[in-house]
Amino acid sequence: MTKLIKLNLFIVFAILASLLAFNFALADITPEEEVEMEIKIKELEEKISAYKANINTNQQKARTLENEIDILDNEIGQIESEIQRIDLIIITLNSKIARKETDIREIERQVDLEKTALSELIKIISIYDDISLFEVILSRNRFSDFLSEVRSLENFQDRIQITLTEIRVLKENIEEDKYRLGLEKDEQFALKFVQEEQRLSLDSKKTQKDTLLKQTKGQEDLFSQLVEKTEKDVQAIKSRLYFLKGIISEGQLNFGEAYQYAKYASIYTGIRPAFLLAILSRETGLGRNIGTGTWRVDMKPSQQKYYLQICDELGISPDKYPVSKKVWYGWGGAMGPAQFMPSTWLGYKDRVSQITGNNPPSPWNVKDAFVASALYLTNKGATKHDYYSEWKAAMMYLAGSNWNKSYLSFYGDQVMALAAKFQKEINLFDNN
């Protein structure tokens, strides 16, 4: 063989040898440490379940100061355990992300090496293309040398086809890995958001406990007086402000007014009013940026055409109506108290219009928003009125197809606790 061919063959074989030498970098934590963390996560999940059971048991008992403090202590313990669990999940997820990024870099390196090998193989083929068959035969001392080179040439051509296939497969693997990496990073952002919410909830529960102890001075009789006063003060419950953001014309609502809207939605959808009030209250709590964003800056571009369609149908200026603000973990752009995205709203607006008579309905109108939320929850199975069905519907309201992520379960728990509180208050003034 010529020196040039031998040199090119050397390069090709060196590249192929390099392709076989996979050397993945280690992530931040070892597999053994990951196993230990999984064990700790399961232990924390068992603690969380125990706290939930204690809370549920105590809620069935008569209201006493000792029992109320015990409920708050269990709620605090549950939230602290959930925060610890999320810390561990984030660490293990970061490790998986690091490994995935290393894998992607390695595959990209393989693609580059395969391309180089392919380039060298093509160069070898081109050398033969530049020489006539007669010249090749004459330049060889023996005919067997010529036959050997013909076989080598055929092998090169076969190798080109194999290399092209390998490049295609590697590229497909890269795309799949990048897609999965994106999902894992989205989950990482979601976990950090959940942690922020949990820390706020923890502070709230601690404040609630401190306030209760200050009001009662730790005395059971003072707590009984406080409970009795609260239960008798029906008017105070009705007139208490019901914080519902994202509305335009109605202004602030009191709890009694909000309950009437919830009852109206319940008549047509079967959703329990207390549960609907809890969902919308929790959405407002989660959406602290409701009404502070603009569609031009905070809304995902793919949603903007739907938003403009809604505004055009309502005959309003898109720049005057509020949407949720974009936050560090994702896009904003949700509308009104129900926090519907524009495309989702368009899917419900006709059914909302049939019930409320508003044509077109508005995501910023309280009645329309209550009915839209109730319809959405109906589709998620909340009309069964049992605890799990409502809890699951709440989870789907928050996370859609990711509703069963264990680290998000706090949301459903909080909605159901709030619904229980609202139900007690509704029972008080319904019976008076």
Protein backbone atom coordinates (compact mmCIF):
# COMPACT_ATOMS: atom_id res chain seq x y z
CA MET A 1 0.00 0.00 0.00
CA THR A 2 1.09 3.58 -0.49
CA LYS A 3 2.43 5.57 2.48
CA LEU A 4 -0.55 7.96 2.26
CA ILE A 5 -3.04 5.11 2.53
CA LYS A 6 -1.15 3.60 5.47
CA LEU A 7 -1.11 6.99 7.21
CA ASN A 8 -4.84 7.45 6.67
CA LEU A 9 -5.52 3.93 7.93
CA PHE A 10 -3.51 4.70 11.07
CA ILE A 11 -5.65 7.78 11.70
CA VAL A 12 -8.87 5.85 11.16
CA PHE A 13 -7.85 3.04 13.54
CA ALA A 14 -6.73 5.56 16.18
CA ILE A 15 -10.11 7.26 15.98
CA LEU A 16 -11.98 3.97 16.24
CA ALA A 17 -9.91 2.99 19.27
CA SER A 18 -10.74 6.30 20.90
CA LEU A 19 -14.46 5.68 20.28
CA LEU A 20 -14.28 2.48 22.30
CA ALA A 21 -12.65 4.19 25.25
CA PHE A 22 -15.64 5.60 27.20
CA ASN A 23 -14.51 7.58 30.18
CA PHE A 24 -17.48 9.18 31.92
CA ALA A 25 -16.70 11.80 34.55
CA LEU A 26 -18.03 11.16 38.02
CA ALA A 27 -20.92 13.26 39.31
CA ASP A 28 -20.82 15.20 42.55
CA ILE A 29 -22.04 12.24 44.62
CA THR A 30 -21.25 8.55 44.35
CA PRO A 31 -23.87 5.86 43.59
CA GLU A 32 -23.48 4.63 47.19
CA GLU A 33 -24.29 8.10 48.49
CA GLU A 34 -27.31 8.23 46.18
CA VAL A 35 -28.58 4.96 47.68
CA GLU A 36 -28.14 6.39 51.19
CA MET A 37 -30.09 9.49 50.18
CA GLU A 38 -32.90 7.38 48.74
CA ILE A 39 -33.11 5.58 52.09
CA LYS A 40 -33.23 8.92 53.94
CA ILE A 41 -35.92 10.19 51.55
CA LYS A 42 -38.06 7.12 52.30
CA GLU A 43 -37.54 7.63 56.04
CA LEU A 44 -38.67 11.25 55.72
CA GLU A 45 -41.72 10.16 53.70
CA GLU A 46 -42.66 7.79 56.52
CA LYS A 47 -42.31 10.64 59.04
CA ILE A 48 -44.47 12.86 56.83
CA SER A 49 -47.15 10.17 56.65
CA ALA A 50 -47.07 9.83 60.46
CA TYR A 51 -47.48 13.61 60.88
CA LYS A 52 -50.43 13.58 58.46
CA ALA A 53 -52.08 10.72 60.37
CA ASN A 54 -51.65 12.59 63.67
CA ILE A 55 -53.12 15.75 62.17
CA ASN A 56 -56.11 13.86 60.78
CA THR A 57 -56.72 12.12 64.13
CA ASN A 58 -56.53 15.37 66.10
CA GLN A 59 -58.85 17.15 63.69
CA GLN A 60 -61.55 14.62 64.55
CA LYS A 61 -61.28 15.43 68.26
CA ALA A 62 -63.01 18.23 70.16
CA ARG A 63 -61.24 21.56 69.89
CA THR A 64 -58.96 22.14 72.86
CA LEU A 65 -55.88 24.26 73.23
CA GLU A 66 -53.69 21.20 73.73
CA ASN A 67 -55.15 19.56 70.64
CA GLU A 68 -54.81 22.73 68.54
CA ILE A 69 -51.15 23.15 69.54
CA ASP A 70 -50.55 19.47 68.80
CA ILE A 71 -52.01 19.92 65.29
CA LEU A 72 -49.76 22.93 64.67
CA ASP A 73 -46.70 21.06 65.98
CA ASN A 74 -47.43 18.16 63.63
CA GLU A 75 -47.99 20.55 60.72
CA ILE A 76 -44.66 22.25 61.47
CA GLY A 77 -42.91 18.88 61.72
CA GLN A 78 -44.49 17.76 58.45
CA ILE A 79 -43.36 20.87 56.59
CA GLU A 80 -39.83 20.70 58.04
CA SER A 81 -39.59 17.05 56.93
CA GLU A 82 -40.86 17.97 53.47
CA ILE A 83 -38.22 20.68 53.17
CA GLN A 84 -35.50 18.19 54.18
CA ARG A 85 -36.84 15.65 51.70
CA ILE A 86 -36.78 18.20 48.88
CA ASP A 87 -33.19 19.12 49.81
CA LEU A 88 -32.19 15.48 49.28
CA ILE A 89 -34.22 15.16 46.07
CA ILE A 90 -32.52 18.28 44.68
CA ILE A 91 -29.06 16.88 45.51
CA THR A 92 -29.78 13.56 43.78
CA LEU A 93 -31.39 15.34 40.84
CA ASN A 94 -28.37 17.63 40.48
CA SER A 95 -26.19 14.52 40.38
CA LYS A 96 -28.35 13.00 37.61
CA ILE A 97 -28.24 16.27 35.67
CA ALA A 98 -24.43 16.40 35.97
CA ARG A 99 -24.13 12.83 34.71
CA LYS A 100 -26.55 13.48 31.87
CA GLU A 101 -24.59 16.56 30.79
CA THR A 102 -21.38 14.50 30.87
CA ASP A 103 -23.05 11.78 28.79
CA ILE A 104 -24.20 14.35 26.23
CA ARG A 105 -20.69 15.80 25.95
CA GLU A 106 -19.29 12.29 25.48
CA ILE A 107 -21.82 11.47 22.76
CA GLU A 108 -21.04 14.77 21.02
CA ARG A 109 -17.35 13.84 21.17
CA GLN A 110 -18.16 10.46 19.62
CA VAL A 111 -20.05 12.20 16.82
CA ASP A 112 -17.04 14.40 16.11
CA LEU A 113 -14.73 11.38 16.08
CA GLU A 114 -17.06 9.45 13.80
CA LYS A 115 -17.18 12.42 11.43
CA THR A 116 -13.37 12.57 11.39
CA ALA A 117 -13.16 8.82 10.74
CA LEU A 118 -15.69 9.21 7.94
CA SER A 119 -13.65 12.04 6.43
CA GLU A 120 -10.51 9.91 6.44
CA LEU A 121 -12.32 6.96 4.88
CA ILE A 122 -13.63 9.19 2.11
CA LYS A 123 -10.09 10.47 1.48
CA ILE A 124 -8.86 6.89 1.06
CA ILE A 125 -11.65 6.12 -1.41
CA SER A 126 -10.88 9.32 -3.34
CA ILE A 127 -7.24 8.22 -3.78
CA TYR A 128 -8.42 5.14 -5.64
CA ASP A 129 -10.83 7.25 -7.68
CA ASP A 130 -7.88 9.31 -8.97
CA ILE A 131 -5.99 6.21 -10.22
CA SER A 132 -7.12 4.04 -13.13
CA LEU A 133 -7.61 0.33 -12.57
CA PHE A 134 -4.83 -0.47 -15.09
CA GLU A 135 -2.36 1.78 -13.21
CA VAL A 136 -3.21 0.12 -9.89
CA ILE A 137 -2.59 -3.37 -11.33
CA LEU A 138 0.73 -2.33 -12.92
CA SER A 139 1.96 -0.68 -9.72
CA ARG A 140 1.63 -3.91 -7.71
CA ASN A 141 4.35 -6.57 -7.72
CA ARG A 142 1.88 -9.39 -7.27
CA PHE A 143 -1.73 -9.79 -8.33
CA SER A 144 -2.57 -10.92 -4.79
CA ASP A 145 -1.56 -7.45 -3.55
CA PHE A 146 -4.09 -5.93 -5.89
CA LEU A 147 -6.83 -8.28 -4.70
CA SER A 148 -5.98 -7.48 -1.09
CA GLU A 149 -6.37 -3.76 -1.75
CA VAL A 150 -9.69 -4.35 -3.53
CA ARG A 151 -10.96 -6.14 -0.43
CA SER A 152 -9.68 -3.28 1.73
CA LEU A 153 -11.50 -0.83 -0.51
CA GLU A 154 -14.72 -2.79 -0.16
CA ASN A 155 -14.22 -2.80 3.63
CA PHE A 156 -13.75 0.97 3.57
CA GLN A 157 -17.01 1.39 1.68
CA ASP A 158 -18.81 -0.86 4.14
CA ARG A 159 -17.28 1.11 6.99
CA ILE A 160 -18.55 4.37 5.50
CA GLN A 161 -22.11 3.03 5.61
CA ILE A 162 -21.63 1.80 9.17
CA THR A 163 -20.16 5.15 10.23
CA LEU A 164 -23.03 7.09 8.67
CA THR A 165 -25.50 4.88 10.58
CA GLU A 166 -23.55 5.37 13.82
CA ILE A 167 -23.56 9.14 13.38
CA ARG A 168 -27.32 9.13 12.83
CA VAL A 169 -27.92 6.95 15.94
CA LEU A 170 -25.60 9.10 18.06
CA LYS A 171 -27.39 12.27 16.97
CA GLU A 172 -30.75 10.72 17.87
CA ASN A 173 -29.34 9.78 21.28
CA ILE A 174 -28.14 13.34 21.80
CA GLU A 175 -31.59 14.74 21.02
CA GLU A 176 -33.27 12.27 23.37
CA ASP A 177 -30.78 12.98 26.15
CA LYS A 178 -31.14 16.73 25.72
CA TYR A 179 -34.93 16.41 25.91
CA ARG A 180 -34.72 14.36 29.12
CA LEU A 181 -32.16 16.79 30.52
CA GLY A 182 -34.60 19.63 29.89
CA LEU A 183 -37.31 17.77 31.81
CA GLU A 184 -34.95 17.16 34.72
CA LYS A 185 -33.96 20.83 34.81
CA ASP A 186 -37.64 21.82 34.76
CA GLU A 187 -38.17 19.51 37.72
CA GLN A 188 -35.22 21.08 39.49
CA PHE A 189 -36.77 24.54 39.04
CA ALA A 190 -40.13 23.24 40.27
CA LEU A 191 -38.51 21.77 43.39
CA LYS A 192 -36.87 25.08 44.25
CA PHE A 193 -40.20 26.82 43.82
CA VAL A 194 -41.89 24.24 46.07
CA GLN A 195 -39.21 24.78 48.69
CA GLU A 196 -39.83 28.51 48.66
CA GLU A 197 -43.56 27.89 49.19
CA GLN A 198 -42.88 25.41 51.98
CA ARG A 199 -40.62 27.81 53.83
CA LEU A 200 -43.31 30.49 53.67
CA SER A 201 -45.87 27.98 54.93
CA LEU A 202 -43.53 26.97 57.77
CA ASP A 203 -43.14 30.58 58.87
CA SER A 204 -46.92 31.00 58.75
CA LYS A 205 -47.55 27.94 60.95
CA LYS A 206 -44.96 29.06 63.50
CA THR A 207 -46.53 32.53 63.63
CA GLN A 208 -49.97 30.94 63.99
CA LYS A 209 -48.78 28.89 66.94
CA ASP A 210 -47.09 31.89 68.61
CA THR A 211 -50.22 34.01 68.15
CA LEU A 212 -52.46 31.31 69.61
CA LEU A 213 -50.22 30.94 72.66
CA LYS A 214 -50.16 34.71 73.17
CA GLN A 215 -53.94 35.01 72.87
CA THR A 216 -54.62 32.18 75.32
CA LYS A 217 -51.55 32.55 77.55
CA GLY A 218 -51.46 28.76 77.45
CA GLN A 219 -54.76 28.48 79.35
CA GLU A 220 -57.47 26.09 78.20
CA ASP A 221 -60.38 28.26 79.42
CA LEU A 222 -59.16 31.28 77.43
CA PHE A 223 -58.93 29.09 74.33
CA SER A 224 -62.51 27.88 74.86
CA GLN A 225 -63.68 31.49 75.09
CA LEU A 226 -61.81 32.32 71.87
CA VAL A 227 -63.42 29.38 70.03
CA GLU A 228 -66.88 30.27 71.35
CA LYS A 229 -66.52 33.90 70.30
CA THR A 230 -65.37 32.88 66.82
CA GLU A 231 -68.26 30.48 66.36
CA LYS A 232 -70.81 33.08 67.47
CA ASP A 233 -69.37 35.87 65.34
CA VAL A 234 -71.02 34.75 62.10
CA GLN A 235 -71.21 38.24 60.70
CA ALA A 236 -67.48 38.71 61.19
CA ILE A 237 -66.83 35.59 59.11
CA LYS A 238 -69.15 36.75 56.34
CA SER A 239 -67.60 40.21 56.15
CA ARG A 240 -64.01 39.02 56.36
CA LEU A 241 -62.16 39.97 53.20
CA TYR A 242 -61.70 37.12 50.76
CA PHE A 243 -58.44 37.89 48.99
CA LEU A 244 -58.93 37.16 45.33
CA LYS A 245 -56.50 38.83 42.97
CA GLY A 246 -56.70 39.34 39.26
CA ILE A 247 -60.23 40.83 39.19
CA ILE A 248 -60.99 44.14 37.54
CA SER A 249 -64.41 45.63 38.14
CA GLU A 250 -65.64 43.91 41.31
CA GLY A 251 -62.86 45.09 43.61
CA GLN A 252 -62.39 43.29 46.91
CA LEU A 253 -64.81 40.56 47.93
CA ASN A 254 -65.84 39.55 51.40
CA PHE A 255 -66.15 35.90 52.29
CA GLY A 256 -69.94 35.90 52.16
CA GLU A 257 -69.92 37.28 48.60
CA ALA A 258 -67.27 34.82 47.49
CA TYR A 259 -69.36 31.99 48.94
CA GLN A 260 -72.36 33.08 46.85
CA TYR A 261 -70.25 32.92 43.68
CA ALA A 262 -68.99 29.48 44.71
CA LYS A 263 -72.56 28.27 45.36
CA TYR A 264 -73.60 29.57 41.94
CA ALA A 265 -70.78 27.60 40.26
CA SER A 266 -71.66 24.56 42.36
CA ILE A 267 -75.26 24.49 41.13
CA TYR A 268 -74.10 24.02 37.53
CA THR A 269 -71.02 21.86 38.09
CA GLY A 270 -71.48 19.96 41.35
CA ILE A 271 -68.20 21.21 42.81
CA ARG A 272 -68.33 21.67 46.59
CA PRO A 273 -68.28 25.45 47.33
CA ALA A 274 -65.76 25.16 50.18
CA PHE A 275 -63.39 23.21 47.94
CA LEU A 276 -63.69 25.74 45.11
CA LEU A 277 -63.04 28.61 47.52
CA ALA A 278 -59.99 26.77 48.83
CA ILE A 279 -58.59 26.22 45.32
CA LEU A 280 -58.97 29.87 44.35
CA SER A 281 -57.57 31.05 47.69
CA ARG A 282 -54.54 28.80 47.31
CA GLU A 283 -54.00 29.90 43.72
CA THR A 284 -53.95 33.49 44.90
CA GLY A 285 -51.50 32.49 47.61
CA LEU A 286 -49.25 30.76 45.11
CA GLY A 287 -49.61 33.52 42.54
CA ARG A 288 -48.13 36.39 44.50
CA ASN A 289 -47.23 37.90 41.15
CA ILE A 290 -50.83 37.82 39.89
CA GLY A 291 -51.71 41.06 38.18
CA THR A 292 -48.21 42.51 38.19
CA GLY A 293 -47.08 41.23 34.79
CA THR A 294 -47.67 42.29 31.20
CA TRP A 295 -48.39 40.04 28.26
CA ARG A 296 -45.57 41.56 26.19
CA VAL A 297 -42.87 40.73 28.76
CA ASP A 298 -44.16 37.89 30.94
CA MET A 299 -46.29 35.70 28.69
CA LYS A 300 -44.83 32.81 26.75
CA PRO A 301 -44.74 33.81 23.05
CA SER A 302 -46.80 30.78 22.01
CA GLN A 303 -49.63 31.97 24.30
CA GLN A 304 -49.68 35.59 23.11
CA LYS A 305 -51.83 35.06 20.02
CA TYR A 306 -54.51 33.42 22.19
CA TYR A 307 -54.33 36.26 24.68
CA LEU A 308 -54.80 38.84 21.91
CA GLN A 309 -57.74 36.81 20.60
CA ILE A 310 -59.40 36.91 24.05
CA CYS A 311 -58.84 40.66 24.39
CA ASP A 312 -60.14 41.28 20.86
CA GLU A 313 -63.33 39.30 21.59
CA LEU A 314 -63.84 41.27 24.82
CA GLY A 315 -63.10 44.58 23.06
CA ILE A 316 -60.44 45.51 25.60
CA SER A 317 -56.87 46.75 25.39
CA PRO A 318 -54.43 43.89 26.05
CA ASP A 319 -52.05 46.35 27.72
CA LYS A 320 -54.56 47.37 30.42
CA TYR A 321 -55.37 43.95 31.79
CA PRO A 322 -53.07 42.18 34.24
CA VAL A 323 -51.47 38.76 33.90
CA SER A 324 -49.18 36.88 36.24
CA LYS A 325 -45.57 37.98 36.21
CA LYS A 326 -42.77 35.82 34.85
CA VAL A 327 -40.69 34.34 37.65
CA TRP A 328 -37.24 32.77 37.77
CA TYR A 329 -38.55 29.23 37.32
CA GLY A 330 -40.77 29.86 34.27
CA TRP A 331 -43.15 31.99 32.23
CA GLY A 332 -46.06 33.97 33.63
CA GLY A 333 -49.09 35.08 31.64
CA ALA A 334 -51.90 33.40 33.63
CA MET A 335 -55.10 35.44 33.72
CA GLY A 336 -57.51 36.42 36.46
CA PRO A 337 -58.33 34.79 39.79
CA ALA A 338 -58.58 31.30 38.27
CA GLN A 339 -55.07 31.68 36.78
CA PHE A 340 -55.93 30.13 33.42
CA MET A 341 -53.46 30.31 30.57
CA PRO A 342 -54.98 31.89 27.42
CA SER A 343 -55.12 28.63 25.42
CA THR A 344 -56.79 26.82 28.35
CA TRP A 345 -59.34 29.61 28.77
CA LEU A 346 -60.33 29.36 25.11
CA GLY A 347 -61.05 25.68 25.66
CA TYR A 348 -63.56 26.49 28.42
CA LYS A 349 -65.04 29.84 27.41
CA ASP A 350 -68.05 28.48 25.50
CA ARG A 351 -69.16 26.33 28.43
CA VAL A 352 -68.59 29.23 30.82
CA SER A 353 -70.74 31.46 28.60
CA GLN A 354 -73.58 28.91 28.58
CA ILE A 355 -73.69 29.01 32.39
CA THR A 356 -73.06 32.68 33.21
CA GLY A 357 -74.72 34.20 30.15
CA ASN A 358 -71.68 36.40 29.56
CA ASN A 359 -70.83 36.26 25.88
CA PRO A 360 -67.91 36.36 25.62
CA PRO A 361 -66.96 35.52 29.21
CA SER A 362 -63.95 37.21 30.81
CA PRO A 363 -61.15 35.53 32.78
CA TRP A 364 -61.06 38.69 34.95
CA ASN A 365 -64.75 38.50 35.85
CA VAL A 366 -65.36 36.82 39.23
CA LYS A 367 -68.43 34.82 38.21
CA ASP A 368 -66.81 33.64 34.97
CA ALA A 369 -63.58 32.75 36.78
CA PHE A 370 -65.41 30.76 39.49
CA VAL A 371 -67.38 28.82 36.89
CA ALA A 372 -64.29 28.15 34.74
CA SER A 373 -62.40 26.79 37.76
CA ALA A 374 -65.35 24.63 38.74
CA LEU A 375 -65.63 23.22 35.21
CA TYR A 376 -61.92 22.41 35.17
CA LEU A 377 -62.18 20.66 38.55
CA THR A 378 -65.23 18.74 37.33
CA ASN A 379 -63.12 17.32 34.49
CA LYS A 380 -60.58 16.20 37.07
CA GLY A 381 -63.09 14.18 39.11
CA ALA A 382 -63.77 16.55 42.02
CA THR A 383 -67.56 16.04 41.92
CA LYS A 384 -67.23 12.76 43.82
CA HIS A 385 -66.76 14.90 46.97
CA ASP A 386 -64.56 12.35 48.75
CA TYR A 387 -61.23 13.48 50.16
CA TYR A 388 -58.97 11.72 47.66
CA SER A 389 -60.92 12.80 44.57
CA GLU A 390 -60.81 16.44 45.62
CA TRP A 391 -57.18 16.18 46.66
CA LYS A 392 -56.25 14.68 43.29
CA ALA A 393 -58.23 17.34 41.40
CA ALA A 394 -56.38 20.04 43.36
CA MET A 395 -53.06 18.44 42.47
CA MET A 396 -54.02 18.36 38.79
CA TYR A 397 -55.09 22.01 38.97
CA LEU A 398 -51.54 22.80 40.11
CA ALA A 399 -49.41 20.38 38.11
CA GLY A 400 -51.47 18.72 35.36
CA SER A 401 -49.94 15.39 34.35
CA ASN A 402 -47.28 15.77 37.06
CA TRP A 403 -49.94 15.75 39.80
CA ASN A 404 -48.56 12.59 41.43
CA LYS A 405 -45.09 14.00 42.11
CA SER A 406 -44.64 13.31 45.83
CA TYR A 407 -42.84 16.58 46.54
CA LEU A 408 -45.91 18.53 45.36
CA SER A 409 -48.36 16.77 47.68
CA PHE A 410 -48.20 19.66 50.16
CA TYR A 411 -50.40 21.67 47.78
CA GLY A 412 -53.26 19.18 47.86
CA ASP A 413 -52.89 18.85 51.64
CA GLN A 414 -53.09 22.62 52.10
CA VAL A 415 -56.10 22.97 49.79
CA MET A 416 -57.98 20.27 51.67
CA ALA A 417 -57.11 21.79 55.06
CA LEU A 418 -58.33 25.18 53.82
CA ALA A 419 -61.49 23.58 52.42
CA ALA A 420 -62.20 21.99 55.83
CA LYS A 421 -61.78 25.39 57.50
CA PHE A 422 -64.09 27.07 54.97
CA GLN A 423 -66.66 24.28 55.36
CA LYS A 424 -66.85 24.86 59.12
CA GLU A 425 -67.38 28.57 58.58
CA ILE A 426 -70.00 27.95 55.87
CA ASN A 427 -71.83 25.55 58.16
CA LEU A 428 -71.92 28.24 60.87
CA PHE A 429 -73.69 30.89 58.87
CA ASP A 430 -75.79 28.44 56.83
CA ASN A 431 -77.28 27.25 60.13
CA ASN A 432 -77.96 30.75 61.47
